[in-house]
Amino acid sequence: MSTAPIAAFHVRAVAEREVLSARPDAPVVAAQPAPTRRHRLERSRTGLASVLHRAADRVAPAYGAPC
């Protein structure tokens, strides 16, 4: 599959936005600060916890089965 049409579309959209931003009646958008990212260790722990939770659900005994 060729990505050339998709790239052409995005290039045109960016070029249009740049050209139209020079107009006197162009809307002004206030710069927003980038969202803060969680620390790497916190993301790793969250990912590991979700994997372990899914694994525990798969190996858990069926509902009503004796323990």
N, C-alpha and C. Protein backbone atom coordinates (compact mmCIF):
# COMPACT_ATOMS: atom_id res chain seq x y z
N MET A 1 0.85 -1.18 0.00
CA MET A 1 0.00 0.00 0.00
C MET A 1 0.89 1.24 0.00
N SER A 2 0.58 2.13 -0.85
CA SER A 2 1.37 3.34 -0.98
C SER A 2 0.83 4.41 -0.02
N THR A 3 1.74 5.06 0.68
CA THR A 3 1.33 6.12 1.60
C THR A 3 1.46 7.50 0.97
N ALA A 4 1.79 7.57 -0.31
CA ALA A 4 1.96 8.85 -0.98
C ALA A 4 0.69 9.69 -0.96
N PRO A 5 -0.51 9.14 -1.23
CA PRO A 5 -1.72 9.98 -1.18
C PRO A 5 -1.98 10.55 0.22
N ILE A 6 -1.70 9.76 1.24
CA ILE A 6 -1.92 10.23 2.60
C ILE A 6 -0.93 11.34 2.93
N ALA A 7 0.31 11.15 2.53
CA ALA A 7 1.33 12.17 2.77
C ALA A 7 0.99 13.45 2.02
N ALA A 8 0.54 13.34 0.79
CA ALA A 8 0.17 14.52 0.01
C ALA A 8 -0.96 15.28 0.67
N PHE A 9 -1.93 14.57 1.21
CA PHE A 9 -3.05 15.20 1.90
C PHE A 9 -2.56 15.99 3.11
N HIS A 10 -1.68 15.38 3.92
CA HIS A 10 -1.18 16.05 5.11
C HIS A 10 -0.30 17.25 4.76
N VAL A 11 0.51 17.12 3.74
CA VAL A 11 1.36 18.24 3.32
C VAL A 11 0.49 19.40 2.85
N ARG A 12 -0.55 19.10 2.10
CA ARG A 12 -1.44 20.16 1.63
C ARG A 12 -2.15 20.84 2.80
N ALA A 13 -2.62 20.05 3.78
CA ALA A 13 -3.31 20.61 4.93
C ALA A 13 -2.38 21.53 5.73
N VAL A 14 -1.15 21.12 5.93
CA VAL A 14 -0.19 21.93 6.67
C VAL A 14 0.12 23.21 5.89
N ALA A 15 0.32 23.08 4.59
CA ALA A 15 0.62 24.26 3.77
C ALA A 15 -0.54 25.25 3.78
N GLU A 16 -1.77 24.76 3.67
CA GLU A 16 -2.94 25.63 3.74
C GLU A 16 -3.02 26.36 5.07
N ARG A 17 -2.78 25.64 6.15
CA ARG A 17 -2.83 26.25 7.48
C ARG A 17 -1.78 27.35 7.61
N GLU A 18 -0.59 27.11 7.08
CA GLU A 18 0.47 28.12 7.14
C GLU A 18 0.12 29.34 6.31
N VAL A 19 -0.42 29.12 5.11
CA VAL A 19 -0.76 30.23 4.24
C VAL A 19 -1.91 31.05 4.84
N LEU A 20 -2.93 30.38 5.33
CA LEU A 20 -4.08 31.09 5.87
C LEU A 20 -3.79 31.75 7.21
N SER A 21 -2.73 31.34 7.90
CA SER A 21 -2.43 31.94 9.19
C SER A 21 -1.88 33.36 9.03
N ALA A 22 -1.45 33.71 7.83
CA ALA A 22 -0.91 35.05 7.59
C ALA A 22 -2.01 36.07 7.30
N ARG A 23 -3.24 35.64 7.19
CA ARG A 23 -4.32 36.57 6.90
C ARG A 23 -4.61 37.44 8.11
N PRO A 24 -5.07 38.67 7.90
CA PRO A 24 -5.33 39.56 9.02
C PRO A 24 -6.48 39.10 9.92
N ASP A 25 -7.41 38.33 9.39
CA ASP A 25 -8.54 37.87 10.20
C ASP A 25 -8.37 36.43 10.70
N ALA A 26 -7.14 35.93 10.68
CA ALA A 26 -6.86 34.56 11.13
C ALA A 26 -7.09 34.47 12.64
N PRO A 27 -7.67 33.38 13.10
CA PRO A 27 -7.90 33.22 14.55
C PRO A 27 -6.58 33.04 15.30
N VAL A 28 -6.53 33.58 16.48
CA VAL A 28 -5.34 33.46 17.32
C VAL A 28 -5.60 32.38 18.35
N VAL A 29 -4.74 31.41 18.39
CA VAL A 29 -4.88 30.30 19.32
C VAL A 29 -3.77 30.44 20.36
N ALA A 30 -4.18 30.48 21.61
CA ALA A 30 -3.19 30.60 22.69
C ALA A 30 -2.40 29.30 22.81
N ALA A 31 -1.12 29.43 23.03
CA ALA A 31 -0.28 28.25 23.20
C ALA A 31 -0.62 27.56 24.51
N GLN A 32 -0.81 26.27 24.45
CA GLN A 32 -1.15 25.49 25.63
C GLN A 32 0.07 24.69 26.05
N PRO A 33 0.30 24.60 27.35
CA PRO A 33 1.46 23.81 27.79
C PRO A 33 1.25 22.32 27.49
N ALA A 34 2.34 21.66 27.23
CA ALA A 34 2.27 20.23 26.93
C ALA A 34 1.83 19.47 28.19
N PRO A 35 1.03 18.43 28.03
CA PRO A 35 0.62 17.66 29.20
C PRO A 35 1.82 16.97 29.84
N THR A 36 1.79 16.89 31.14
CA THR A 36 2.90 16.24 31.83
C THR A 36 2.78 14.74 31.70
N ARG A 37 3.90 14.09 31.50
CA ARG A 37 3.92 12.64 31.37
C ARG A 37 4.24 12.02 32.72
N ARG A 38 3.69 10.85 32.92
CA ARG A 38 4.00 10.13 34.14
C ARG A 38 5.42 9.61 34.07
N HIS A 39 6.01 9.38 35.21
CA HIS A 39 7.37 8.87 35.24
C HIS A 39 7.41 7.47 34.64
N ARG A 40 8.55 7.11 34.13
CA ARG A 40 8.71 5.83 33.45
C ARG A 40 8.41 4.65 34.39
N LEU A 41 8.87 4.75 35.63
CA LEU A 41 8.64 3.66 36.58
C LEU A 41 7.15 3.49 36.85
N GLU A 42 6.43 4.60 36.97
CA GLU A 42 4.99 4.52 37.22
C GLU A 42 4.27 3.87 36.04
N ARG A 43 4.67 4.22 34.82
CA ARG A 43 4.06 3.60 33.64
C ARG A 43 4.37 2.12 33.57
N SER A 44 5.61 1.74 33.93
CA SER A 44 5.99 0.34 33.90
C SER A 44 5.19 -0.46 34.92
N ARG A 45 5.04 0.09 36.12
CA ARG A 45 4.27 -0.61 37.15
C ARG A 45 2.81 -0.77 36.74
N THR A 46 2.24 0.28 36.15
CA THR A 46 0.85 0.20 35.71
C THR A 46 0.69 -0.85 34.62
N GLY A 47 1.62 -0.88 33.67
CA GLY A 47 1.55 -1.88 32.61
C GLY A 47 1.69 -3.29 33.14
N LEU A 48 2.64 -3.49 34.06
CA LEU A 48 2.84 -4.82 34.64
C LEU A 48 1.61 -5.24 35.45
N ALA A 49 1.03 -4.31 36.20
CA ALA A 49 -0.15 -4.64 36.99
C ALA A 49 -1.32 -5.05 36.10
N SER A 50 -1.49 -4.38 34.97
CA SER A 50 -2.60 -4.74 34.09
C SER A 50 -2.38 -6.11 33.45
N VAL A 51 -1.15 -6.43 33.10
CA VAL A 51 -0.85 -7.75 32.53
C VAL A 51 -1.10 -8.84 33.56
N LEU A 52 -0.64 -8.62 34.79
CA LEU A 52 -0.86 -9.61 35.84
C LEU A 52 -2.34 -9.78 36.16
N HIS A 53 -3.09 -8.68 36.12
CA HIS A 53 -4.53 -8.76 36.38
C HIS A 53 -5.24 -9.59 35.31
N ARG A 54 -4.87 -9.37 34.04
CA ARG A 54 -5.47 -10.16 32.97
C ARG A 54 -5.09 -11.62 33.09
N ALA A 55 -3.84 -11.91 33.46
CA ALA A 55 -3.40 -13.30 33.62
C ALA A 55 -4.14 -13.96 34.76
N ALA A 56 -4.35 -13.24 35.86
CA ALA A 56 -5.07 -13.80 37.00
C ALA A 56 -6.52 -14.10 36.63
N ASP A 57 -7.13 -13.25 35.80
CA ASP A 57 -8.51 -13.51 35.37
C ASP A 57 -8.60 -14.76 34.51
N ARG A 58 -7.58 -15.02 33.72
CA ARG A 58 -7.61 -16.19 32.84
C ARG A 58 -7.41 -17.50 33.60
N VAL A 59 -6.62 -17.49 34.66
CA VAL A 59 -6.35 -18.73 35.37
C VAL A 59 -7.24 -18.91 36.60
N ALA A 60 -8.10 -17.95 36.87
CA ALA A 60 -8.99 -18.05 38.02
C ALA A 60 -9.99 -19.20 37.80
N PRO A 61 -10.39 -19.87 38.85
CA PRO A 61 -11.39 -20.95 38.70
C PRO A 61 -12.72 -20.38 38.26
N ALA A 62 -13.51 -21.22 37.60
CA ALA A 62 -14.82 -20.79 37.14
C ALA A 62 -15.71 -20.41 38.33
N TYR A 63 -16.70 -19.58 38.07
CA TYR A 63 -17.60 -19.13 39.13
C TYR A 63 -18.31 -20.33 39.74
N GLY A 64 -18.27 -20.41 41.04
CA GLY A 64 -18.94 -21.49 41.75
C GLY A 64 -18.09 -22.73 41.92
N ALA A 65 -16.89 -22.75 41.36
CA ALA A 65 -16.02 -23.92 41.51
C ALA A 65 -15.42 -23.92 42.93
N PRO A 66 -15.30 -25.10 43.54
CA PRO A 66 -14.69 -25.14 44.87
C PRO A 66 -13.22 -24.76 44.82
N CYS A 67 -12.74 -24.11 45.84
CA CYS A 67 -11.36 -23.66 45.89
C CYS A 67 -10.43 -24.74 46.39
